[in-house]
Amino acid sequence: MKINLSGHHVDVTDSVKQHVDEKFAKIASHFPTLISLDVTITKEHGEFEVEVRTNYEGASVAAKGTDPVMWPAIAAANKKLDAALKHRKGQLKADKHAKPDVTAPEIAYEKVQEMNLN
């Protein structure tokens, strides 16, 4: 999986790249059809915001984590993206199950009329 990492008002160093790769490695193993992630780290007003976007099975999935420290913000975005991908995967699996046919319940009155009570 390719990770496109960019920073806005943040220097993206090798240690930041390595940390992001380590954090999102689990997602790559759980969702092998993911091709790429777009990760943007922004710092505004003393708070880091990490935004992650990807396409999964035809749908755009995004997650955002914020924290005054960069590392917990990356972890929060990772956790939210994992939850969003699991939700999307569940939706796709639910569509494959056969839906039961709706049948009208039998009314007790009709059953009594059919019975031979003599």
PDB file of N, CA and C in Angstrom:
ATOM      1  N   MET A   1       0.855  -1.171   0.000  1.00  0.00           N
ATOM      2  CA  MET A   1       0.000   0.000   0.000  1.00  0.00           C
ATOM      3  C   MET A   1       0.900   1.233   0.000  1.00  0.00           C
ATOM      4  N   LYS A   2       0.535   2.180  -0.825  1.00  0.00           N
ATOM      5  CA  LYS A   2       1.302   3.415  -0.931  1.00  0.00           C
ATOM      6  C   LYS A   2       0.686   4.472  -0.012  1.00  0.00           C
ATOM      7  N   ILE A   3       1.533   5.157   0.739  1.00  0.00           N
ATOM      8  CA  ILE A   3       1.077   6.224   1.624  1.00  0.00           C
ATOM      9  C   ILE A   3       1.640   7.544   1.121  1.00  0.00           C
ATOM     10  N   ASN A   4       0.752   8.435   0.712  1.00  0.00           N
ATOM     11  CA  ASN A   4       1.139   9.774   0.272  1.00  0.00           C
ATOM     12  C   ASN A   4       1.041  10.692   1.478  1.00  0.00           C
ATOM     13  N   LEU A   5       2.180  11.120   1.993  1.00  0.00           N
ATOM     14  CA  LEU A   5       2.234  11.924   3.215  1.00  0.00           C
ATOM     15  C   LEU A   5       2.597  13.354   2.869  1.00  0.00           C
ATOM     16  N   SER A   6       1.803  14.294   3.360  1.00  0.00           N
ATOM     17  CA  SER A   6       2.104  15.708   3.146  1.00  0.00           C
ATOM     18  C   SER A   6       1.861  16.476   4.435  1.00  0.00           C
ATOM     19  N   GLY A   7       2.533  17.595   4.554  1.00  0.00           N
ATOM     20  CA  GLY A   7       2.407  18.418   5.748  1.00  0.00           C
ATOM     21  C   GLY A   7       2.049  19.847   5.395  1.00  0.00           C
ATOM     22  N   HIS A   8       1.235  20.453   6.229  1.00  0.00           N
ATOM     23  CA  HIS A   8       0.854  21.854   6.068  1.00  0.00           C
ATOM     24  C   HIS A   8       1.241  22.568   7.352  1.00  0.00           C
ATOM     25  N   HIS A   9       2.236  23.425   7.289  1.00  0.00           N
ATOM     26  CA  HIS A   9       2.832  24.076   8.450  1.00  0.00           C
ATOM     27  C   HIS A   9       3.536  23.067   9.357  1.00  0.00           C
ATOM     28  N   VAL A  10       3.918  21.927   8.783  1.00  0.00           N
ATOM     29  CA  VAL A  10       4.594  20.869   9.528  1.00  0.00           C
ATOM     30  C   VAL A  10       5.704  20.311   8.639  1.00  0.00           C
ATOM     31  N   ASP A  11       6.901  20.118   9.217  1.00  0.00           N
ATOM     32  CA  ASP A  11       7.972  19.461   8.489  1.00  0.00           C
ATOM     33  C   ASP A  11       7.775  17.955   8.584  1.00  0.00           C
ATOM     34  N   VAL A  12       7.708  17.303   7.437  1.00  0.00           N
ATOM     35  CA  VAL A  12       7.545  15.857   7.399  1.00  0.00           C
ATOM     36  C   VAL A  12       8.936  15.233   7.345  1.00  0.00           C
ATOM     37  N   THR A  13       9.401  14.758   8.487  1.00  0.00           N
ATOM     38  CA  THR A  13      10.739  14.180   8.591  1.00  0.00           C
ATOM     39  C   THR A  13      10.677  12.669   8.377  1.00  0.00           C
ATOM     40  N   ASP A  14      11.845  12.054   8.338  1.00  0.00           N
ATOM     41  CA  ASP A  14      11.901  10.603   8.167  1.00  0.00           C
ATOM     42  C   ASP A  14      11.254   9.873   9.338  1.00  0.00           C
ATOM     43  N   SER A  15      11.420  10.420  10.542  1.00  0.00           N
ATOM     44  CA  SER A  15      10.813   9.761  11.709  1.00  0.00           C
ATOM     45  C   SER A  15       9.286   9.820  11.641  1.00  0.00           C
ATOM     46  N   VAL A  16       8.745  10.921  11.131  1.00  0.00           N
ATOM     47  CA  VAL A  16       7.290  11.036  10.981  1.00  0.00           C
ATOM     48  C   VAL A  16       6.812  10.036   9.927  1.00  0.00           C
ATOM     49  N   LYS A  17       7.532   9.932   8.809  1.00  0.00           N
ATOM     50  CA  LYS A  17       7.165   8.972   7.762  1.00  0.00           C
ATOM     51  C   LYS A  17       7.195   7.548   8.301  1.00  0.00           C
ATOM     52  N   GLN A  18       8.231   7.228   9.068  1.00  0.00           N
ATOM     53  CA  GLN A  18       8.361   5.887   9.627  1.00  0.00           C
ATOM     54  C   GLN A  18       7.218   5.588  10.596  1.00  0.00           C
ATOM     55  N   HIS A  19       6.869   6.572  11.434  1.00  0.00           N
ATOM     56  CA  HIS A  19       5.780   6.385  12.398  1.00  0.00           C
ATOM     57  C   HIS A  19       4.451   6.160  11.681  1.00  0.00           C
ATOM     58  N   VAL A  20       4.188   6.939  10.645  1.00  0.00           N
ATOM     59  CA  VAL A  20       2.944   6.794   9.881  1.00  0.00           C
ATOM     60  C   VAL A  20       2.909   5.421   9.206  1.00  0.00           C
ATOM     61  N   ASP A  21       4.037   4.995   8.629  1.00  0.00           N
ATOM     62  CA  ASP A  21       4.089   3.665   7.997  1.00  0.00           C
ATOM     63  C   ASP A  21       3.812   2.560   9.000  1.00  0.00           C
ATOM     64  N   GLU A  22       4.373   2.671  10.200  1.00  0.00           N
ATOM     65  CA  GLU A  22       4.153   1.656  11.235  1.00  0.00           C
ATOM     66  C   GLU A  22       2.694   1.630  11.679  1.00  0.00           C
ATOM     67  N   LYS A  23       2.106   2.806  11.865  1.00  0.00           N
ATOM     68  CA  LYS A  23       0.727   2.879  12.347  1.00  0.00           C
ATOM     69  C   LYS A  23      -0.265   2.311  11.330  1.00  0.00           C
ATOM     70  N   PHE A  24      -0.039   2.576  10.039  1.00  0.00           N
ATOM     71  CA  PHE A  24      -1.000   2.169   9.028  1.00  0.00           C
ATOM     72  C   PHE A  24      -0.672   0.816   8.404  1.00  0.00           C
ATOM     73  N   ALA A  25       0.370   0.125   8.892  1.00  0.00           N
ATOM     74  CA  ALA A  25       0.720  -1.199   8.386  1.00  0.00           C
ATOM     75  C   ALA A  25      -0.372  -2.215   8.717  1.00  0.00           C
ATOM     76  N   LYS A  26      -0.973  -2.096   9.892  1.00  0.00           N
ATOM     77  CA  LYS A  26      -2.038  -3.006  10.305  1.00  0.00           C
ATOM     78  C   LYS A  26      -3.243  -2.880   9.377  1.00  0.00           C
ATOM     79  N   ILE A  27      -3.580  -1.658   9.004  1.00  0.00           N
ATOM     80  CA  ILE A  27      -4.698  -1.436   8.092  1.00  0.00           C
ATOM     81  C   ILE A  27      -4.397  -2.060   6.737  1.00  0.00           C
ATOM     82  N   ALA A  28      -3.156  -1.973   6.290  1.00  0.00           N
ATOM     83  CA  ALA A  28      -2.781  -2.559   5.004  1.00  0.00           C
ATOM     84  C   ALA A  28      -2.947  -4.073   5.017  1.00  0.00           C
ATOM     85  N   SER A  29      -2.656  -4.703   6.165  1.00  0.00           N
ATOM     86  CA  SER A  29      -2.799  -6.159   6.239  1.00  0.00           C
ATOM     87  C   SER A  29      -4.262  -6.578   6.378  1.00  0.00           C
ATOM     88  N   HIS A  30      -5.081  -5.777   7.032  1.00  0.00           N
ATOM     89  CA  HIS A  30      -6.497  -6.120   7.222  1.00  0.00           C
ATOM     90  C   HIS A  30      -7.324  -5.857   5.968  1.00  0.00           C
ATOM     91  N   PHE A  31      -6.918  -4.882   5.184  1.00  0.00           N
ATOM     92  CA  PHE A  31      -7.662  -4.508   3.982  1.00  0.00           C
ATOM     93  C   PHE A  31      -6.702  -4.524   2.791  1.00  0.00           C
ATOM     94  N   PRO A  32      -6.406  -5.711   2.236  1.00  0.00           N
ATOM     95  CA  PRO A  32      -5.398  -5.814   1.179  1.00  0.00           C
ATOM     96  C   PRO A  32      -5.799  -5.163  -0.144  1.00  0.00           C
ATOM     97  N   THR A  33      -7.078  -4.846  -0.335  1.00  0.00           N
ATOM     98  CA  THR A  33      -7.491  -4.214  -1.588  1.00  0.00           C
ATOM     99  C   THR A  33      -7.234  -2.707  -1.600  1.00  0.00           C
ATOM    100  N   LEU A  34      -6.801  -2.154  -0.461  1.00  0.00           N
ATOM    101  CA  LEU A  34      -6.458  -0.726  -0.432  1.00  0.00           C
ATOM    102  C   LEU A  34      -5.202  -0.499  -1.263  1.00  0.00           C
ATOM    103  N   ILE A  35      -5.253   0.489  -2.121  1.00  0.00           N
ATOM    104  CA  ILE A  35      -4.108   0.788  -2.973  1.00  0.00           C
ATOM    105  C   ILE A  35      -3.262   1.890  -2.362  1.00  0.00           C
ATOM    106  N   SER A  36      -3.912   2.959  -1.901  1.00  0.00           N
ATOM    107  CA  SER A  36      -3.140   4.074  -1.368  1.00  0.00           C
ATOM    108  C   SER A  36      -3.917   4.825  -0.293  1.00  0.00           C
ATOM    109  N   LEU A  37      -3.170   5.528   0.541  1.00  0.00           N
ATOM    110  CA  LEU A  37      -3.722   6.424   1.553  1.00  0.00           C
ATOM    111  C   LEU A  37      -3.140   7.812   1.317  1.00  0.00           C
ATOM    112  N   ASP A  38      -3.954   8.819   1.456  1.00  0.00           N
ATOM    113  CA  ASP A  38      -3.495  10.205   1.406  1.00  0.00           C
ATOM    114  C   ASP A  38      -3.554  10.748   2.829  1.00  0.00           C
ATOM    115  N   VAL A  39      -2.397  10.996   3.428  1.00  0.00           N
ATOM    116  CA  VAL A  39      -2.315  11.466   4.808  1.00  0.00           C
ATOM    117  C   VAL A  39      -1.819  12.909   4.786  1.00  0.00           C
ATOM    118  N   THR A  40      -2.570  13.800   5.415  1.00  0.00           N
ATOM    119  CA  THR A  40      -2.187  15.206   5.512  1.00  0.00           C
ATOM    120  C   THR A  40      -2.105  15.597   6.979  1.00  0.00           C
ATOM    121  N   ILE A  41      -0.943  16.105   7.382  1.00  0.00           N
ATOM    122  CA  ILE A  41      -0.739  16.564   8.753  1.00  0.00           C
ATOM    123  C   ILE A  41      -0.704  18.083   8.731  1.00  0.00           C
ATOM    124  N   THR A  42      -1.590  18.692   9.503  1.00  0.00           N
ATOM    125  CA  THR A  42      -1.715  20.149   9.543  1.00  0.00           C
ATOM    126  C   THR A  42      -1.564  20.628  10.976  1.00  0.00           C
ATOM    127  N   LYS A  43      -0.920  21.768  11.140  1.00  0.00           N
ATOM    128  CA  LYS A  43      -0.839  22.379  12.469  1.00  0.00           C
ATOM    129  C   LYS A  43      -1.431  23.778  12.379  1.00  0.00           C
ATOM    130  N   GLU A  44      -2.505  23.975  13.130  1.00  0.00           N
ATOM    131  CA  GLU A  44      -3.153  25.286  13.191  1.00  0.00           C
ATOM    132  C   GLU A  44      -3.557  25.572  14.625  1.00  0.00           C
ATOM    133  N   HIS A  45      -3.264  26.753  15.075  1.00  0.00           N
ATOM    134  CA  HIS A  45      -3.631  27.215  16.412  1.00  0.00           C
ATOM    135  C   HIS A  45      -3.112  26.273  17.501  1.00  0.00           C
ATOM    136  N   GLY A  46      -1.896  25.759  17.317  1.00  0.00           N
ATOM    137  CA  GLY A  46      -1.271  24.918  18.334  1.00  0.00           C
ATOM    138  C   GLY A  46      -1.824  23.515  18.429  1.00  0.00           C
ATOM    139  N   GLU A  47      -2.593  23.094  17.421  1.00  0.00           N
ATOM    140  CA  GLU A  47      -3.172  21.750  17.459  1.00  0.00           C
ATOM    141  C   GLU A  47      -2.896  21.048  16.125  1.00  0.00           C
ATOM    142  N   PHE A  48      -2.500  19.788  16.232  1.00  0.00           N
ATOM    143  CA  PHE A  48      -2.234  18.990  15.042  1.00  0.00           C
ATOM    144  C   PHE A  48      -3.514  18.312  14.589  1.00  0.00           C
ATOM    145  N   GLU A  49      -3.705  18.310  13.279  1.00  0.00           N
ATOM    146  CA  GLU A  49      -4.861  17.645  12.681  1.00  0.00           C
ATOM    147  C   GLU A  49      -4.338  16.711  11.597  1.00  0.00           C
ATOM    148  N   VAL A  50      -4.652  15.428  11.731  1.00  0.00           N
ATOM    149  CA  VAL A  50      -4.223  14.427  10.761  1.00  0.00           C
ATOM    150  C   VAL A  50      -5.460  13.945  10.021  1.00  0.00           C
ATOM    151  N   GLU A  51      -5.458  14.125   8.708  1.00  0.00           N
ATOM    152  CA  GLU A  51      -6.582  13.717   7.877  1.00  0.00           C
ATOM    153  C   GLU A  51      -6.122  12.618   6.933  1.00  0.00           C
ATOM    154  N   VAL A  52      -6.890  11.534   6.893  1.00  0.00           N
ATOM    155  CA  VAL A  52      -6.553  10.382   6.063  1.00  0.00           C
ATOM    156  C   VAL A  52      -7.712  10.121   5.116  1.00  0.00           C
ATOM    157  N   ARG A  53      -7.405   9.990   3.828  1.00  0.00           N
ATOM    158  CA  ARG A  53      -8.428   9.714   2.818  1.00  0.00           C
ATOM    159  C   ARG A  53      -7.989   8.524   1.971  1.00  0.00           C
ATOM    160  N   THR A  54      -8.973   7.723   1.568  1.00  0.00           N
ATOM    161  CA  THR A  54      -8.712   6.593   0.689  1.00  0.00           C
ATOM    162  C   THR A  54      -9.997   6.190  -0.016  1.00  0.00           C
ATOM    163  N   ASN A  55      -9.864   5.340  -1.008  1.00  0.00           N
ATOM    164  CA  ASN A  55     -11.017   4.739  -1.675  1.00  0.00           C
ATOM    165  C   ASN A  55     -11.011   3.265  -1.340  1.00  0.00           C
ATOM    166  N   TYR A  56     -12.163   2.760  -0.885  1.00  0.00           N
ATOM    167  CA  TYR A  56     -12.277   1.349  -0.541  1.00  0.00           C
ATOM    168  C   TYR A  56     -13.524   0.781  -1.186  1.00  0.00           C
ATOM    169  N   GLU A  57     -13.335  -0.136  -2.105  1.00  0.00           N
ATOM    170  CA  GLU A  57     -14.432  -0.824  -2.777  1.00  0.00           C
ATOM    171  C   GLU A  57     -15.443   0.160  -3.363  1.00  0.00           C
ATOM    172  N   GLY A  58     -14.958   1.175  -4.031  1.00  0.00           N
ATOM    173  CA  GLY A  58     -15.826   2.109  -4.727  1.00  0.00           C
ATOM    174  C   GLY A  58     -16.380   3.250  -3.902  1.00  0.00           C
ATOM    175  N   ALA A  59     -15.976   3.351  -2.654  1.00  0.00           N
ATOM    176  CA  ALA A  59     -16.471   4.437  -1.801  1.00  0.00           C
ATOM    177  C   ALA A  59     -15.295   5.203  -1.212  1.00  0.00           C
ATOM    178  N   SER A  60     -15.453   6.498  -1.089  1.00  0.00           N
ATOM    179  CA  SER A  60     -14.434   7.327  -0.469  1.00  0.00           C
ATOM    180  C   SER A  60     -14.583   7.242   1.044  1.00  0.00           C
ATOM    181  N   VAL A  61     -13.474   6.945   1.723  1.00  0.00           N
ATOM    182  CA  VAL A  61     -13.483   6.819   3.176  1.00  0.00           C
ATOM    183  C   VAL A  61     -12.470   7.808   3.734  1.00  0.00           C
ATOM    184  N   ALA A  62     -12.868   8.584   4.736  1.00  0.00           N
ATOM    185  CA  ALA A  62     -11.979   9.576   5.328  1.00  0.00           C
ATOM    186  C   ALA A  62     -12.088   9.538   6.840  1.00  0.00           C
ATOM    187  N   ALA A  63     -10.991   9.925   7.491  1.00  0.00           N
ATOM    188  CA  ALA A  63     -10.964  10.000   8.951  1.00  0.00           C
ATOM    189  C   ALA A  63     -10.059  11.145   9.352  1.00  0.00           C
ATOM    190  N   LYS A  64     -10.363  11.725  10.527  1.00  0.00           N
ATOM    191  CA  LYS A  64      -9.596  12.875  10.996  1.00  0.00           C
ATOM    192  C   LYS A  64      -9.337  12.726  12.486  1.00  0.00           C
ATOM    193  N   GLY A  65      -8.096  12.969  12.882  1.00  0.00           N
ATOM    194  CA  GLY A  65      -7.729  12.934  14.293  1.00  0.00           C
ATOM    195  C   GLY A  65      -7.049  14.237  14.681  1.00  0.00           C
ATOM    196  N   THR A  66      -7.381  14.777  15.851  1.00  0.00           N
ATOM    197  CA  THR A  66      -6.775  16.017  16.314  1.00  0.00           C
ATOM    198  C   THR A  66      -6.249  15.836  17.730  1.00  0.00           C
ATOM    199  N   ASP A  67      -5.134  16.542  18.004  1.00  0.00           N
ATOM    200  CA  ASP A  67      -4.530  16.503  19.335  1.00  0.00           C
ATOM    201  C   ASP A  67      -3.460  17.587  19.382  1.00  0.00           C
ATOM    202  N   PRO A  68      -3.144  18.098  20.572  1.00  0.00           N
ATOM    203  CA  PRO A  68      -2.059  19.082  20.673  1.00  0.00           C
ATOM    204  C   PRO A  68      -0.678  18.497  20.343  1.00  0.00           C
ATOM    205  N   VAL A  69      -0.546  17.172  20.409  1.00  0.00           N
ATOM    206  CA  VAL A  69       0.710  16.502  20.086  1.00  0.00           C
ATOM    207  C   VAL A  69       0.492  15.674  18.815  1.00  0.00           C
ATOM    208  N   MET A  70       1.502  15.627  17.938  1.00  0.00           N
ATOM    209  CA  MET A  70       1.335  14.980  16.648  1.00  0.00           C
ATOM    210  C   MET A  70       1.098  13.469  16.742  1.00  0.00           C
ATOM    211  N   TRP A  71       1.850  12.770  17.581  1.00  0.00           N
ATOM    212  CA  TRP A  71       1.773  11.305  17.621  1.00  0.00           C
ATOM    213  C   TRP A  71       0.385  10.797  18.034  1.00  0.00           C
ATOM    214  N   PRO A  72      -0.234  11.337  19.063  1.00  0.00           N
ATOM    215  CA  PRO A  72      -1.601  10.889  19.379  1.00  0.00           C
ATOM    216  C   PRO A  72      -2.619  11.250  18.291  1.00  0.00           C
ATOM    217  N   ALA A  73      -2.373  12.338  17.572  1.00  0.00           N
ATOM    218  CA  ALA A  73      -3.273  12.715  16.480  1.00  0.00           C
ATOM    219  C   ALA A  73      -3.205  11.680  15.361  1.00  0.00           C
ATOM    220  N   ILE A  74      -2.004  11.176  15.075  1.00  0.00           N
ATOM    221  CA  ILE A  74      -1.842  10.128  14.061  1.00  0.00           C
ATOM    222  C   ILE A  74      -2.536   8.853  14.521  1.00  0.00           C
ATOM    223  N   ALA A  75      -2.370   8.509  15.786  1.00  0.00           N
ATOM    224  CA  ALA A  75      -3.000   7.307  16.336  1.00  0.00           C
ATOM    225  C   ALA A  75      -4.529   7.419  16.283  1.00  0.00           C
ATOM    226  N   ALA A  76      -5.068   8.595  16.591  1.00  0.00           N
ATOM    227  CA  ALA A  76      -6.521   8.793  16.562  1.00  0.00           C
ATOM    228  C   ALA A  76      -7.061   8.657  15.141  1.00  0.00           C
ATOM    229  N   ALA A  77      -6.358   9.229  14.176  1.00  0.00           N
ATOM    230  CA  ALA A  77      -6.789   9.120  12.781  1.00  0.00           C
ATOM    231  C   ALA A  77      -6.732   7.667  12.319  1.00  0.00           C
ATOM    232  N   ASN A  78      -5.709   6.942  12.745  1.00  0.00           N
ATOM    233  CA  ASN A  78      -5.570   5.532  12.400  1.00  0.00           C
ATOM    234  C   ASN A  78      -6.746   4.726  12.948  1.00  0.00           C
ATOM    235  N   LYS A  79      -7.089   4.966  14.196  1.00  0.00           N
ATOM    236  CA  LYS A  79      -8.179   4.234  14.838  1.00  0.00           C
ATOM    237  C   LYS A  79      -9.518   4.533  14.156  1.00  0.00           C
ATOM    238  N   LYS A  80      -9.758   5.794  13.824  1.00  0.00           N
ATOM    239  CA  LYS A  80     -11.009   6.179  13.172  1.00  0.00           C
ATOM    240  C   LYS A  80     -11.099   5.618  11.752  1.00  0.00           C
ATOM    241  N   LEU A  81      -9.966   5.595  11.034  1.00  0.00           N
ATOM    242  CA  LEU A  81      -9.977   5.037   9.686  1.00  0.00           C
ATOM    243  C   LEU A  81     -10.243   3.538   9.734  1.00  0.00           C
ATOM    244  N   ASP A  82      -9.650   2.855  10.689  1.00  0.00           N
ATOM    245  CA  ASP A  82      -9.879   1.421  10.842  1.00  0.00           C
ATOM    246  C   ASP A  82     -11.365   1.146  11.100  1.00  0.00           C
ATOM    247  N   ALA A  83     -11.982   1.930  11.966  1.00  0.00           N
ATOM    248  CA  ALA A  83     -13.407   1.765  12.260  1.00  0.00           C
ATOM    249  C   ALA A  83     -14.262   2.052  11.027  1.00  0.00           C
ATOM    250  N   ALA A  84     -13.912   3.084  10.268  1.00  0.00           N
ATOM    251  CA  ALA A  84     -14.687   3.433   9.074  1.00  0.00           C
ATOM    252  C   ALA A  84     -14.572   2.350   8.005  1.00  0.00           C
ATOM    253  N   LEU A  85     -13.374   1.780   7.855  1.00  0.00           N
ATOM    254  CA  LEU A  85     -13.186   0.715   6.875  1.00  0.00           C
ATOM    255  C   LEU A  85     -13.937  -0.553   7.284  1.00  0.00           C
ATOM    256  N   LYS A  86     -13.935  -0.863   8.577  1.00  0.00           N
ATOM    257  CA  LYS A  86     -14.684  -2.028   9.059  1.00  0.00           C
ATOM    258  C   LYS A  86     -16.184  -1.830   8.823  1.00  0.00           C
ATOM    259  N   HIS A  87     -16.659  -0.610   9.033  1.00  0.00           N
ATOM    260  CA  HIS A  87     -18.072  -0.307   8.798  1.00  0.00           C
ATOM    261  C   HIS A  87     -18.419  -0.502   7.324  1.00  0.00           C
ATOM    262  N   ARG A  88     -17.570  -0.002   6.448  1.00  0.00           N
ATOM    263  CA  ARG A  88     -17.801  -0.131   5.003  1.00  0.00           C
ATOM    264  C   ARG A  88     -17.761  -1.603   4.593  1.00  0.00           C
ATOM    265  N   LYS A  89     -16.825  -2.361   5.148  1.00  0.00           N
ATOM    266  CA  LYS A  89     -16.719  -3.783   4.833  1.00  0.00           C
ATOM    267  C   LYS A  89     -17.980  -4.523   5.284  1.00  0.00           C
ATOM    268  N   GLY A  90     -18.502  -4.149   6.439  1.00  0.00           N
ATOM    269  CA  GLY A  90     -19.737  -4.744   6.938  1.00  0.00           C
ATOM    270  C   GLY A  90     -20.914  -4.439   6.035  1.00  0.00           C
ATOM    271  N   GLN A  91     -20.975  -3.215   5.510  1.00  0.00           N
ATOM    272  CA  GLN A  91     -22.048  -2.857   4.589  1.00  0.00           C
ATOM    273  C   GLN A  91     -21.981  -3.705   3.324  1.00  0.00           C
ATOM    274  N   LEU A  92     -20.780  -3.907   2.819  1.00  0.00           N
ATOM    275  CA  LEU A  92     -20.624  -4.686   1.595  1.00  0.00           C
ATOM    276  C   LEU A  92     -21.000  -6.148   1.822  1.00  0.00           C
ATOM    277  N   LYS A  93     -20.631  -6.697   2.979  1.00  0.00           N
ATOM    278  CA  LYS A  93     -20.966  -8.086   3.270  1.00  0.00           C
ATOM    279  C   LYS A  93     -22.470  -8.248   3.509  1.00  0.00           C
ATOM    280  N   ALA A  94     -23.112  -7.262   4.101  1.00  0.00           N
ATOM    281  CA  ALA A  94     -24.545  -7.341   4.382  1.00  0.00           C
ATOM    282  C   ALA A  94     -25.344  -7.364   3.088  1.00  0.00           C
ATOM    283  N   ASP A  95     -24.850  -6.715   2.050  1.00  0.00           N
ATOM    284  CA  ASP A  95     -25.567  -6.695   0.779  1.00  0.00           C
ATOM    285  C   ASP A  95     -25.544  -8.054   0.087  1.00  0.00           C
ATOM    286  N   LYS A  96     -24.605  -8.925   0.440  1.00  0.00           N
ATOM    287  CA  LYS A  96     -24.481 -10.218  -0.220  1.00  0.00           C
ATOM    288  C   LYS A  96     -25.409 -11.278   0.356  1.00  0.00           C
ATOM    289  N   HIS A  97     -25.898 -11.065   1.552  1.00  0.00           N
ATOM    290  CA  HIS A  97     -26.765 -12.054   2.170  1.00  0.00           C
ATOM    291  C   HIS A  97     -28.143 -12.038   1.521  1.00  0.00           C
ATOM    292  N   ALA A  98     -28.743 -13.217   1.413  1.00  0.00           N
ATOM    293  CA  ALA A  98     -30.084 -13.310   0.843  1.00  0.00           C
ATOM    294  C   ALA A  98     -31.094 -12.754   1.841  1.00  0.00           C
ATOM    295  N   LYS A  99     -31.945 -11.915   1.361  1.00  0.00           N
ATOM    296  CA  LYS A  99     -32.967 -11.329   2.202  1.00  0.00           C
ATOM    297  C   LYS A  99     -34.161 -12.286   2.267  1.00  0.00           C
ATOM    298  N   PRO A 100     -34.749 -12.501   3.429  1.00  0.00           N
ATOM    299  CA  PRO A 100     -35.881 -13.421   3.523  1.00  0.00           C
ATOM    300  C   PRO A 100     -37.120 -12.832   2.849  1.00  0.00           C
ATOM    301  N   ASP A 101     -37.919 -13.727   2.279  1.00  0.00           N
ATOM    302  CA  ASP A 101     -39.167 -13.284   1.660  1.00  0.00           C
ATOM    303  C   ASP A 101     -40.174 -12.961   2.753  1.00  0.00           C
ATOM    304  N   VAL A 102     -40.910 -11.907   2.554  1.00  0.00           N
ATOM    305  CA  VAL A 102     -41.916 -11.504   3.529  1.00  0.00           C
ATOM    306  C   VAL A 102     -43.189 -12.291   3.242  1.00  0.00           C
ATOM    307  N   THR A 103     -43.652 -12.962   4.237  1.00  0.00           N
ATOM    308  CA  THR A 103     -44.900 -13.709   4.086  1.00  0.00           C
ATOM    309  C   THR A 103     -45.910 -13.161   5.078  1.00  0.00           C
ATOM    310  N   ALA A 104     -47.130 -13.167   4.677  1.00  0.00           N
ATOM    311  CA  ALA A 104     -48.186 -12.680   5.565  1.00  0.00           C
ATOM    312  C   ALA A 104     -48.430 -13.733   6.642  1.00  0.00           C
ATOM    313  N   PRO A 105     -48.488 -13.324   7.880  1.00  0.00           N
ATOM    314  CA  PRO A 105     -48.739 -14.307   8.933  1.00  0.00           C
ATOM    315  C   PRO A 105     -50.159 -14.861   8.831  1.00  0.00           C
ATOM    316  N   GLU A 106     -50.272 -16.125   9.160  1.00  0.00           N
ATOM    317  CA  GLU A 106     -51.591 -16.732   9.109  1.00  0.00           C
ATOM    318  C   GLU A 106     -52.415 -16.232  10.282  1.00  0.00           C
ATOM    319  N   ILE A 107     -53.649 -15.940   9.999  1.00  0.00           N
ATOM    320  CA  ILE A 107     -54.538 -15.427  11.029  1.00  0.00           C
ATOM    321  C   ILE A 107     -55.212 -16.620  11.702  1.00  0.00           C
ATOM    322  N   ALA A 108     -55.296 -16.590  12.983  1.00  0.00           N
ATOM    323  CA  ALA A 108     -55.857 -17.697  13.750  1.00  0.00           C
ATOM    324  C   ALA A 108     -57.302 -17.974  13.338  1.00  0.00           C
ATOM    325  N   TYR A 109     -58.060 -16.944  13.027  1.00  0.00           N
ATOM    326  CA  TYR A 109     -59.464 -17.115  12.635  1.00  0.00           C
ATOM    327  C   TYR A 109     -59.557 -17.987  11.382  1.00  0.00           C
ATOM    328  N   GLU A 110     -58.677 -17.726  10.398  1.00  0.00           N
ATOM    329  CA  GLU A 110     -58.688 -18.506   9.164  1.00  0.00           C
ATOM    330  C   GLU A 110     -58.324 -19.962   9.438  1.00  0.00           C
ATOM    331  N   LYS A 111     -57.405 -20.206  10.329  1.00  0.00           N
ATOM    332  CA  LYS A 111     -57.002 -21.566  10.657  1.00  0.00           C
ATOM    333  C   LYS A 111     -58.141 -22.314  11.337  1.00  0.00           C
ATOM    334  N   VAL A 112     -58.893 -21.639  12.189  1.00  0.00           N
ATOM    335  CA  VAL A 112     -60.014 -22.269  12.890  1.00  0.00           C
ATOM    336  C   VAL A 112     -61.105 -22.628  11.896  1.00  0.00           C
ATOM    337  N   GLN A 113     -61.351 -21.767  10.882  1.00  0.00           N
ATOM    338  CA  GLN A 113     -62.390 -22.039   9.896  1.00  0.00           C
ATOM    339  C   GLN A 113     -62.052 -23.259   9.064  1.00  0.00           C
ATOM    340  N   GLU A 114     -60.756 -23.497   8.806  1.00  0.00           N
ATOM    341  CA  GLU A 114     -60.340 -24.629   7.998  1.00  0.00           C
ATOM    342  C   GLU A 114     -60.411 -25.939   8.765  1.00  0.00           C
ATOM    343  N   MET A 115     -60.376 -25.858  10.072  1.00  0.00           N
ATOM    344  CA  MET A 115     -60.367 -27.076  10.883  1.00  0.00           C
ATOM    345  C   MET A 115     -61.737 -27.727  10.937  1.00  0.00           C
ATOM    346  N   ASN A 116     -61.744 -29.034  10.980  1.00  0.00           N
ATOM    347  CA  ASN A 116     -63.000 -29.767  11.092  1.00  0.00           C
ATOM    348  C   ASN A 116     -63.206 -30.050  12.572  1.00  0.00           C
ATOM    349  N   LEU A 117     -64.070 -29.289  13.226  1.00  0.00           N
ATOM    350  CA  LEU A 117     -64.254 -29.405  14.671  1.00  0.00           C
ATOM    351  C   LEU A 117     -65.378 -30.320  15.062  1.00  0.00           C
ATOM    352  N   ASN A 118     -66.031 -30.996  14.135  1.00  0.00           N
ATOM    353  CA  ASN A 118     -67.154 -31.872  14.468  1.00  0.00           C
ATOM    354  C   ASN A 118     -66.713 -33.206  14.961  1.00  0.00           C
TER     355      ASN A 118
END
